[in-house]
Protein backbone atom coordinates (compact mmCIF):
# COMPACT_ATOMS: atom_id res chain seq x y z
CA MET A 1 -17.18 27.63 10.90
CA SER A 2 -18.55 24.56 12.67
CA LEU A 3 -20.78 23.65 9.71
CA ALA A 4 -17.90 24.29 7.32
CA SER A 5 -15.67 21.92 9.31
CA ILE A 6 -18.33 19.22 9.34
CA GLY A 7 -19.03 19.68 5.61
CA LEU A 8 -15.34 19.47 4.72
CA ALA A 9 -14.82 16.36 6.85
CA PHE A 10 -17.84 14.64 5.37
CA PHE A 11 -16.90 15.66 1.81
CA ILE A 12 -13.46 14.09 2.19
CA VAL A 13 -15.02 10.84 3.41
CA ALA A 14 -17.76 10.82 0.75
CA VAL A 15 -15.61 11.66 -2.26
CA SER A 16 -12.76 9.27 -1.41
CA PRO A 17 -12.72 5.95 -3.32
CA GLY A 18 -14.78 3.24 -1.66
CA PRO A 19 -17.31 0.53 -2.54
CA ALA A 20 -20.12 3.06 -3.13
CA THR A 21 -18.17 5.46 -5.34
CA LEU A 22 -16.49 2.58 -7.16
CA ALA A 23 -19.85 0.97 -7.92
CA ASN A 24 -21.34 4.30 -8.95
CA ALA A 25 -18.48 4.94 -11.37
CA THR A 26 -18.71 1.43 -12.82
CA VAL A 27 -22.46 1.66 -13.42
CA SER A 28 -22.02 5.08 -15.05
CA MET A 29 -19.23 3.86 -17.33
CA SER A 30 -21.01 0.70 -18.39
CA LYS A 31 -24.68 1.71 -18.45
CA GLY A 32 -24.64 5.47 -18.97
CA ARG A 33 -25.51 8.65 -17.11
CA LYS A 34 -29.16 7.82 -16.41
CA ALA A 35 -28.27 4.53 -14.73
CA GLY A 36 -25.47 6.21 -12.79
CA LEU A 37 -27.77 8.95 -11.50
CA ILE A 38 -30.46 6.46 -10.49
CA TYR A 39 -27.87 4.27 -8.79
CA GLY A 40 -26.53 7.37 -7.04
CA ALA A 41 -30.05 8.20 -5.84
CA GLY A 42 -30.25 4.78 -4.19
CA LEU A 43 -26.82 5.30 -2.64
CA SER A 44 -27.94 8.72 -1.36
CA CYS A 45 -31.00 7.26 0.34
CA GLY A 46 -28.89 4.59 2.02
CA LEU A 47 -26.38 7.22 3.11
CA GLY A 48 -29.18 9.41 4.44
CA PHE A 49 -30.54 6.50 6.47
CA TRP A 50 -27.22 6.10 8.27
CA GLY A 51 -27.08 9.86 8.76
CA ILE A 52 -30.41 9.79 10.58
CA ILE A 53 -29.19 6.85 12.65
CA ALA A 54 -26.03 8.72 13.62
CA ALA A 55 -27.79 12.03 14.34
CA SER A 56 -30.46 10.38 16.48
CA GLY A 57 -27.86 8.77 18.73
CA LEU A 58 -28.66 5.25 17.56
CA GLY A 59 -25.24 5.08 15.92
CA ALA A 60 -23.58 4.86 19.32
CA VAL A 61 -26.07 2.17 20.30
CA LEU A 62 -25.24 0.26 17.13
CA GLN A 63 -21.51 0.49 17.79
CA SER A 64 -22.01 -0.83 21.33
CA SER A 65 -24.18 -3.73 20.14
CA VAL A 66 -21.53 -6.28 19.28
CA TYR A 67 -23.77 -8.93 17.73
CA LEU A 68 -25.94 -6.54 15.70
CA LEU A 69 -22.88 -4.80 14.30
CA MET A 70 -21.30 -8.17 13.53
CA ILE A 71 -24.40 -9.30 11.62
CA LEU A 72 -24.47 -6.08 9.60
CA LYS A 73 -20.79 -6.36 8.75
CA VAL A 74 -21.14 -9.98 7.65
CA PHE A 75 -24.16 -9.12 5.50
CA GLY A 76 -22.34 -6.13 4.02
CA GLY A 77 -19.27 -8.24 3.30
CA LEU A 78 -21.33 -10.93 1.60
CA TYR A 79 -23.04 -8.32 -0.55
CA LEU A 80 -19.65 -6.94 -1.61
CA LEU A 81 -18.54 -10.46 -2.51
CA TRP A 82 -21.71 -10.83 -4.57
CA LEU A 83 -20.81 -7.61 -6.41
CA ALA A 84 -17.32 -9.02 -6.95
CA PHE A 85 -18.85 -12.16 -8.47
CA GLN A 86 -21.04 -10.06 -10.77
CA SER A 87 -18.05 -8.00 -11.91
CA ALA A 88 -15.99 -11.15 -12.50
CA ARG A 89 -18.80 -12.70 -14.51
CA THR A 90 -19.10 -9.54 -16.60
CA ALA A 91 -15.35 -9.59 -17.20
CA MET A 92 -15.55 -13.15 -18.55
CA LYS A 93 -18.48 -12.49 -20.86
CA PRO A 94 -17.66 -12.07 -24.56
CA ASP A 95 -18.59 -8.79 -26.22
CA VAL A 96 -22.12 -8.75 -27.60
CA GLU A 97 -23.56 -6.72 -30.40
CA LYS A 98 -25.92 -3.91 -29.44
CA GLY A 99 -29.45 -3.67 -30.71
CA THR A 100 -30.11 -7.41 -30.76
CA GLN A 101 -32.84 -7.43 -28.11
CA SER A 102 -36.40 -8.08 -29.16
CA PRO A 103 -38.96 -5.26 -28.67
CA ASP A 104 -40.67 -7.13 -25.84
CA LYS A 105 -37.42 -7.63 -24.00
CA LYS A 106 -36.54 -3.97 -24.43
CA ASP A 107 -39.85 -3.00 -22.84
CA ILE A 108 -39.20 -5.27 -19.87
CA VAL A 109 -35.72 -3.82 -19.39
CA HIS A 110 -37.07 -0.26 -19.64
CA ASN A 111 -39.82 -0.88 -17.07
CA SER A 112 -37.45 -2.39 -14.49
CA PHE A 113 -34.54 -0.04 -15.21
CA ILE A 114 -35.18 2.64 -12.60
CA ARG A 115 -36.31 0.28 -9.84
CA GLY A 116 -33.41 -2.13 -10.33
CA TRP A 117 -30.54 0.36 -10.21
CA PHE A 118 -32.08 2.36 -7.37
CA ILE A 119 -32.54 -0.73 -5.19
CA GLN A 120 -28.99 -1.94 -5.87
CA GLY A 121 -27.55 1.41 -4.82
CA LEU A 122 -29.78 1.51 -1.75
CA ILE A 123 -28.77 -1.99 -0.64
CA LEU A 124 -25.07 -1.25 -1.10
CA ASN A 125 -25.07 1.68 1.34
CA LEU A 126 -27.56 0.12 3.71
CA SER A 127 -25.30 -2.93 3.99
CA ASN A 128 -22.28 -0.80 4.94
CA PRO A 129 -22.36 -0.18 8.72
CA LYS A 130 -19.06 1.69 8.45
CA ALA A 131 -21.07 4.58 7.01
CA VAL A 132 -22.52 5.35 10.43
CA VAL A 133 -18.99 5.59 11.83
CA ALA A 134 -18.09 8.10 9.11
CA TRP A 135 -21.23 10.10 9.92
CA MET A 136 -20.47 10.18 13.64
CA ALA A 137 -16.88 11.22 13.00
CA ALA A 138 -17.94 14.04 10.68
CA LEU A 139 -20.70 15.33 12.96
CA SER A 140 -18.36 15.34 15.95
CA VAL A 141 -15.86 17.62 14.19
CA GLY A 142 -17.76 20.88 14.54
CA LEU A 143 -20.60 20.35 17.03
CA ASP A 144 -20.10 21.81 20.49
CA ALA A 145 -21.35 19.38 23.10
CA ASN A 146 -21.39 22.21 25.67
CA ALA A 147 -23.95 24.30 23.74
CA ASN A 148 -27.46 24.55 25.10
CA ASP A 149 -29.91 21.88 23.96
CA GLY A 150 -31.87 24.10 21.56
CA VAL A 151 -28.83 25.41 19.70
CA TRP A 152 -27.23 21.96 19.62
CA ALA A 153 -30.37 20.34 18.18
CA TYR A 154 -30.69 22.95 15.40
CA ALA A 155 -26.98 22.65 14.61
CA LEU A 156 -27.25 18.86 14.44
CA ILE A 157 -30.22 19.02 12.05
CA ALA A 158 -28.48 21.61 9.86
CA ALA A 159 -25.25 19.58 9.76
CA THR A 160 -27.08 16.34 8.93
CA LEU A 161 -29.04 17.96 6.08
CA MET A 162 -25.90 19.60 4.76
CA CYS A 163 -24.03 16.28 4.73
CA MET A 164 -26.93 14.59 2.95
CA VAL A 165 -26.77 17.26 0.22
CA ILE A 166 -23.00 16.78 -0.05
CA GLY A 167 -23.52 13.03 -0.45
CA VAL A 168 -26.04 13.54 -3.24
CA LEU A 169 -23.72 15.98 -5.05
CA VAL A 170 -20.79 13.57 -4.78
CA TYR A 171 -22.78 10.73 -6.35
CA VAL A 172 -24.09 13.06 -9.07
CA PHE A 173 -20.50 14.14 -9.75
CA TYR A 174 -19.34 10.53 -10.14
CA ALA A 175 -22.30 9.69 -12.40
CA VAL A 176 -21.71 12.68 -14.67
CA ILE A 177 -17.92 12.44 -14.89
CA PHE A 178 -17.77 8.71 -15.59
CA SER A 179 -20.57 8.78 -18.16
CA PHE A 180 -18.82 11.07 -20.61
CA GLY A 181 -18.47 9.53 -24.04
CA GLY A 182 -14.67 9.25 -23.94
CA ILE A 183 -14.65 7.48 -20.60
CA MET A 184 -17.42 5.11 -21.67
CA ARG A 185 -15.58 4.28 -24.90
CA GLY A 186 -12.41 3.64 -22.91
CA TYR A 187 -14.35 1.37 -20.59
CA ASN A 188 -15.78 -0.59 -23.53
CA ARG A 189 -12.30 -1.11 -24.96
CA CYS A 190 -10.89 -2.31 -21.63
CA ARG A 191 -14.09 -3.77 -20.21
CA ARG A 192 -12.67 -7.13 -19.17
CA TRP A 193 -9.59 -5.70 -17.49
CA ILE A 194 -11.55 -3.00 -15.64
CA ASN A 195 -14.18 -5.42 -14.37
CA GLY A 196 -11.48 -7.85 -13.34
CA VAL A 197 -9.77 -5.17 -11.23
CA ILE A 198 -13.12 -4.08 -9.78
CA ALA A 199 -13.93 -7.69 -8.88
CA GLY A 200 -10.63 -7.89 -7.02
CA LEU A 201 -11.26 -4.65 -5.13
CA PHE A 202 -14.77 -5.73 -4.13
CA THR A 203 -13.39 -9.08 -3.00
CA LEU A 204 -10.79 -7.43 -0.78
CA ALA A 205 -13.37 -5.04 0.65
CA GLY A 206 -15.86 -7.85 1.27
CA PHE A 207 -13.42 -10.12 3.07
CA GLY A 208 -12.07 -7.12 4.99
CA LEU A 209 -15.54 -6.21 6.24
CA ILE A 210 -16.32 -9.81 7.21
CA ARG A 211 -12.96 -10.09 8.97
CA SER A 212 -13.63 -6.89 10.94
CA ALA A 213 -16.89 -8.44 12.17
CA PHE A 214 -14.97 -11.04 14.18
CA ILE A 215 -12.24 -8.75 15.54
CA ARG A 216 -12.80 -7.61 19.11
């Protein structure tokens, strides 16, 4: 029951719309399932990093370190603003015909495809210090602080691994759902409007994160 409570709490946080899921859906709609899955893998690694931080107790240290947390929030906010700029630039680009790349250019794109999307997903979740707060909240739902050290340690490891798996499944779900042909065709028809809205959402999230860095 404790693991179920933790899993449910973490699932609600992970599946709810946010910068990571929004970016994952956008990449899947615009670039296809493979890109979405690779991007989701990067997001999963970033999410797992914060899970380890939270489970090891360093999350509480991070929360108590005012200046370190402020730096992370500012960096995360700036990265979200950069994503907003990229989405806005994509929205303003005219439609281009497919299949116009030269063979050499296609080879370059293919070779950097996996590394590029994975790193972008990784950076997005690594630059979001709020993820560690979500982890700590989820892990605190079902863990009994009064249990003996051995049981508590095993429960913490099991809960952390379970939440990591849930995070991976959520990102896979977003990549698969938003890469269906009908959704991708709808995105292509409304590409400018969708990217414009996404740019606005990333802008709000970025400024909100930067603003929270200076609130005591």
